[in-house]
């Protein structure tokens, strides 16, 4: 005869130090710091870029903070991917011309239509902000 007794706890419950059963909030695997959503159709935009620009885009994407900002300097990117700073600058200009990034001072804003790192609630607001920033960057050149 077996003495095994199934646990009375559900998957989302734990026993705290006082012996009380507490429910734990299940975290979505998509909200962690290392998760980035990328639109599959938007990936085709990369096919029109040079291999250098794609090589520059990868560390930009891997260093995004919440709401699609990259604060890593161009010189740090150049060191990271072993590329001349002038080539990184040229590649960022090409990424900007293709609408994938917008330079905002010393940081880059990545198009939230292309990829997104942040909460779902912030995504719609970020799209509006990106479109506004894009219009401002276009008017700055005209």
C-alpha atoms as a PDB file:
ATOM      1  CA  UNK A   1       0.000   0.000   0.000  1.00  0.00           C
ATOM      2  CA  UNK A   2       1.386   3.407  -1.034  1.00  0.00           C
ATOM      3  CA  UNK A   3       1.805   6.240   1.440  1.00  0.00           C
ATOM      4  CA  UNK A   4       2.070   8.860  -1.320  1.00  0.00           C
ATOM      5  CA  UNK A   5      -0.234  11.795  -0.750  1.00  0.00           C
ATOM      6  CA  UNK A   6      -0.714  14.337  -3.522  1.00  0.00           C
ATOM      7  CA  UNK A   7       0.125  17.906  -2.593  1.00  0.00           C
ATOM      8  CA  UNK A   8      -2.902  19.998  -1.673  1.00  0.00           C
ATOM      9  CA  UNK A   9      -1.198  22.958  -3.364  1.00  0.00           C
ATOM     10  CA  UNK A  10      -1.998  24.161  -6.840  1.00  0.00           C
ATOM     11  CA  UNK A  11       0.772  25.162  -9.261  1.00  0.00           C
ATOM     12  CA  UNK A  12       0.328  28.810  -8.428  1.00  0.00           C
ATOM     13  CA  UNK A  13       0.493  28.351  -4.647  1.00  0.00           C
ATOM     14  CA  UNK A  14       3.319  28.241  -2.121  1.00  0.00           C
ATOM     15  CA  UNK A  15       3.529  27.842   1.635  1.00  0.00           C
ATOM     16  CA  UNK A  16       5.108  30.852   3.330  1.00  0.00           C
ATOM     17  CA  UNK A  17       7.200  30.773   6.523  1.00  0.00           C
ATOM     18  CA  UNK A  18       4.060  31.066   8.672  1.00  0.00           C
ATOM     19  CA  UNK A  19       2.594  27.929   7.087  1.00  0.00           C
ATOM     20  CA  UNK A  20      -0.020  29.886   5.152  1.00  0.00           C
ATOM     21  CA  UNK A  21      -0.814  29.043   1.548  1.00  0.00           C
ATOM     22  CA  UNK A  22      -0.254  32.031  -0.720  1.00  0.00           C
ATOM     23  CA  UNK A  23      -1.008  32.383  -4.408  1.00  0.00           C
ATOM     24  CA  UNK A  24       1.870  33.542  -6.571  1.00  0.00           C
ATOM     25  CA  UNK A  25       1.398  35.673  -9.615  1.00  0.00           C
ATOM     26  CA  UNK A  26       2.391  33.855 -12.771  1.00  0.00           C
ATOM     27  CA  UNK A  27       4.740  35.982 -14.790  1.00  0.00           C
ATOM     28  CA  UNK A  28       4.453  35.937 -18.518  1.00  0.00           C
ATOM     29  CA  UNK A  29       7.584  34.606 -20.221  1.00  0.00           C
ATOM     30  CA  UNK A  30       7.245  37.515 -22.656  1.00  0.00           C
ATOM     31  CA  UNK A  31       7.805  40.279 -20.111  1.00  0.00           C
ATOM     32  CA  UNK A  32      11.360  39.466 -19.062  1.00  0.00           C
ATOM     33  CA  UNK A  33      14.252  41.786 -19.745  1.00  0.00           C
ATOM     34  CA  UNK A  34      15.598  39.572 -22.494  1.00  0.00           C
ATOM     35  CA  UNK A  35      12.468  39.209 -24.594  1.00  0.00           C
ATOM     36  CA  UNK A  36      11.969  41.163 -27.811  1.00  0.00           C
ATOM     37  CA  UNK A  37       9.010  40.932 -30.190  1.00  0.00           C
ATOM     38  CA  UNK A  38       9.939  41.202 -33.875  1.00  0.00           C
ATOM     39  CA  UNK A  39       7.371  41.459 -36.644  1.00  0.00           C
ATOM     40  CA  UNK A  40       8.062  38.697 -39.162  1.00  0.00           C
ATOM     41  CA  UNK A  41       6.874  40.758 -42.122  1.00  0.00           C
ATOM     42  CA  UNK A  42       9.019  43.676 -40.996  1.00  0.00           C
ATOM     43  CA  UNK A  43      12.089  41.422 -41.065  1.00  0.00           C
ATOM     44  CA  UNK A  44      11.935  41.630 -44.865  1.00  0.00           C
ATOM     45  CA  UNK A  45      12.992  45.280 -44.481  1.00  0.00           C
ATOM     46  CA  UNK A  46      16.433  43.989 -43.467  1.00  0.00           C
ATOM     47  CA  UNK A  47      16.923  42.296 -46.843  1.00  0.00           C
ATOM     48  CA  UNK A  48      17.392  45.700 -48.506  1.00  0.00           C
ATOM     49  CA  UNK A  49      20.225  46.666 -46.157  1.00  0.00           C
ATOM     50  CA  UNK A  50      23.952  46.142 -46.472  1.00  0.00           C
ATOM     51  CA  UNK A  51      25.585  43.422 -44.410  1.00  0.00           C
ATOM     52  CA  UNK A  52      27.345  46.167 -42.426  1.00  0.00           C
ATOM     53  CA  UNK A  53      24.025  47.810 -41.531  1.00  0.00           C
ATOM     54  CA  UNK A  54      22.583  44.463 -40.409  1.00  0.00           C
ATOM     55  CA  UNK A  55      25.714  43.846 -38.349  1.00  0.00           C
ATOM     56  CA  UNK A  56      25.177  47.239 -36.649  1.00  0.00           C
ATOM     57  CA  UNK A  57      21.451  46.603 -36.148  1.00  0.00           C
ATOM     58  CA  UNK A  58      22.066  43.437 -34.116  1.00  0.00           C
ATOM     59  CA  UNK A  59      23.861  45.089 -31.154  1.00  0.00           C
ATOM     60  CA  UNK A  60      21.289  47.895 -31.245  1.00  0.00           C
ATOM     61  CA  UNK A  61      18.520  45.321 -30.848  1.00  0.00           C
ATOM     62  CA  UNK A  62      20.403  43.392 -28.191  1.00  0.00           C
ATOM     63  CA  UNK A  63      20.867  46.553 -26.102  1.00  0.00           C
ATOM     64  CA  UNK A  64      17.332  47.903 -26.210  1.00  0.00           C
ATOM     65  CA  UNK A  65      15.847  49.086 -22.980  1.00  0.00           C
ATOM     66  CA  UNK A  66      12.139  49.343 -22.355  1.00  0.00           C
ATOM     67  CA  UNK A  67      10.207  51.275 -24.973  1.00  0.00           C
ATOM     68  CA  UNK A  68      12.759  50.604 -27.732  1.00  0.00           C
ATOM     69  CA  UNK A  69      15.553  52.979 -26.788  1.00  0.00           C
ATOM     70  CA  UNK A  70      19.203  52.071 -27.277  1.00  0.00           C
ATOM     71  CA  UNK A  71      21.624  54.164 -25.244  1.00  0.00           C
ATOM     72  CA  UNK A  72      24.794  52.345 -26.313  1.00  0.00           C
ATOM     73  CA  UNK A  73      27.190  54.715 -28.050  1.00  0.00           C
ATOM     74  CA  UNK A  74      28.286  54.307 -31.640  1.00  0.00           C
ATOM     75  CA  UNK A  75      31.871  53.888 -30.495  1.00  0.00           C
ATOM     76  CA  UNK A  76      30.831  51.067 -28.132  1.00  0.00           C
ATOM     77  CA  UNK A  77      29.000  49.377 -31.010  1.00  0.00           C
ATOM     78  CA  UNK A  78      32.084  49.786 -33.190  1.00  0.00           C
ATOM     79  CA  UNK A  79      34.276  48.123 -30.560  1.00  0.00           C
ATOM     80  CA  UNK A  80      31.715  45.371 -29.960  1.00  0.00           C
ATOM     81  CA  UNK A  81      31.464  44.367 -33.620  1.00  0.00           C
ATOM     82  CA  UNK A  82      35.035  45.301 -34.541  1.00  0.00           C
ATOM     83  CA  UNK A  83      34.073  47.906 -37.112  1.00  0.00           C
ATOM     84  CA  UNK A  84      35.397  51.398 -37.797  1.00  0.00           C
ATOM     85  CA  UNK A  85      33.300  54.099 -36.086  1.00  0.00           C
ATOM     86  CA  UNK A  86      32.782  55.836 -39.429  1.00  0.00           C
ATOM     87  CA  UNK A  87      31.268  52.637 -40.855  1.00  0.00           C
ATOM     88  CA  UNK A  88      28.966  52.335 -37.840  1.00  0.00           C
ATOM     89  CA  UNK A  89      27.877  55.939 -38.351  1.00  0.00           C
ATOM     90  CA  UNK A  90      27.218  55.308 -42.049  1.00  0.00           C
ATOM     91  CA  UNK A  91      25.230  52.170 -41.195  1.00  0.00           C
ATOM     92  CA  UNK A  92      23.110  54.011 -38.618  1.00  0.00           C
ATOM     93  CA  UNK A  93      22.387  56.661 -41.240  1.00  0.00           C
ATOM     94  CA  UNK A  94      21.254  53.885 -43.619  1.00  0.00           C
ATOM     95  CA  UNK A  95      19.098  52.317 -40.871  1.00  0.00           C
ATOM     96  CA  UNK A  96      17.570  55.748 -40.322  1.00  0.00           C
ATOM     97  CA  UNK A  97      16.917  56.238 -44.045  1.00  0.00           C
ATOM     98  CA  UNK A  98      15.091  52.885 -44.067  1.00  0.00           C
ATOM     99  CA  UNK A  99      12.986  53.994 -41.099  1.00  0.00           C
ATOM    100  CA  UNK A 100      14.310  51.392 -38.676  1.00  0.00           C
ATOM    101  CA  UNK A 101      15.873  53.837 -36.215  1.00  0.00           C
ATOM    102  CA  UNK A 102      15.690  57.516 -35.357  1.00  0.00           C
ATOM    103  CA  UNK A 103      18.590  59.303 -33.704  1.00  0.00           C
ATOM    104  CA  UNK A 104      17.501  61.254 -30.653  1.00  0.00           C
ATOM    105  CA  UNK A 105      20.574  62.977 -29.328  1.00  0.00           C
ATOM    106  CA  UNK A 106      22.931  60.243 -28.114  1.00  0.00           C
ATOM    107  CA  UNK A 107      20.359  57.486 -28.200  1.00  0.00           C
ATOM    108  CA  UNK A 108      18.528  55.592 -30.894  1.00  0.00           C
ATOM    109  CA  UNK A 109      14.820  54.882 -31.034  1.00  0.00           C
ATOM    110  CA  UNK A 110      13.991  51.670 -32.886  1.00  0.00           C
ATOM    111  CA  UNK A 111      10.773  51.590 -34.911  1.00  0.00           C
ATOM    112  CA  UNK A 112       8.090  49.930 -32.732  1.00  0.00           C
ATOM    113  CA  UNK A 113       6.422  48.618 -35.914  1.00  0.00           C
ATOM    114  CA  UNK A 114       9.583  46.568 -36.556  1.00  0.00           C
ATOM    115  CA  UNK A 115      10.155  45.251 -33.037  1.00  0.00           C
ATOM    116  CA  UNK A 116       9.072  45.981 -29.498  1.00  0.00           C
ATOM    117  CA  UNK A 117      10.527  45.651 -26.031  1.00  0.00           C
ATOM    118  CA  UNK A 118       8.142  46.795 -23.364  1.00  0.00           C
ATOM    119  CA  UNK A 119       4.625  46.367 -22.116  1.00  0.00           C
ATOM    120  CA  UNK A 120       1.687  45.811 -24.420  1.00  0.00           C
ATOM    121  CA  UNK A 121      -0.006  48.865 -22.943  1.00  0.00           C
ATOM    122  CA  UNK A 122       2.932  51.101 -23.903  1.00  0.00           C
ATOM    123  CA  UNK A 123       3.185  49.787 -27.473  1.00  0.00           C
ATOM    124  CA  UNK A 124       0.328  51.875 -28.933  1.00  0.00           C
ATOM    125  CA  UNK A 125       1.615  55.011 -27.228  1.00  0.00           C
ATOM    126  CA  UNK A 126       5.138  54.269 -28.466  1.00  0.00           C
ATOM    127  CA  UNK A 127       3.900  53.951 -32.057  1.00  0.00           C
ATOM    128  CA  UNK A 128       2.341  57.422 -31.817  1.00  0.00           C
ATOM    129  CA  UNK A 129       5.542  58.825 -30.280  1.00  0.00           C
ATOM    130  CA  UNK A 130       7.663  57.172 -32.966  1.00  0.00           C
ATOM    131  CA  UNK A 131       5.497  58.549 -35.774  1.00  0.00           C
ATOM    132  CA  UNK A 132       5.768  62.029 -34.229  1.00  0.00           C
ATOM    133  CA  UNK A 133       9.554  61.716 -33.849  1.00  0.00           C
ATOM    134  CA  UNK A 134       9.807  60.484 -37.437  1.00  0.00           C
ATOM    135  CA  UNK A 135       7.907  63.530 -38.706  1.00  0.00           C
ATOM    136  CA  UNK A 136      10.154  65.813 -36.643  1.00  0.00           C
ATOM    137  CA  UNK A 137      13.299  64.179 -38.001  1.00  0.00           C
ATOM    138  CA  UNK A 138      12.016  64.500 -41.585  1.00  0.00           C
ATOM    139  CA  UNK A 139      11.135  68.178 -41.111  1.00  0.00           C
ATOM    140  CA  UNK A 140      14.603  68.805 -39.640  1.00  0.00           C
ATOM    141  CA  UNK A 141      16.141  67.761 -42.974  1.00  0.00           C
ATOM    142  CA  UNK A 142      13.791  69.835 -45.166  1.00  0.00           C
END
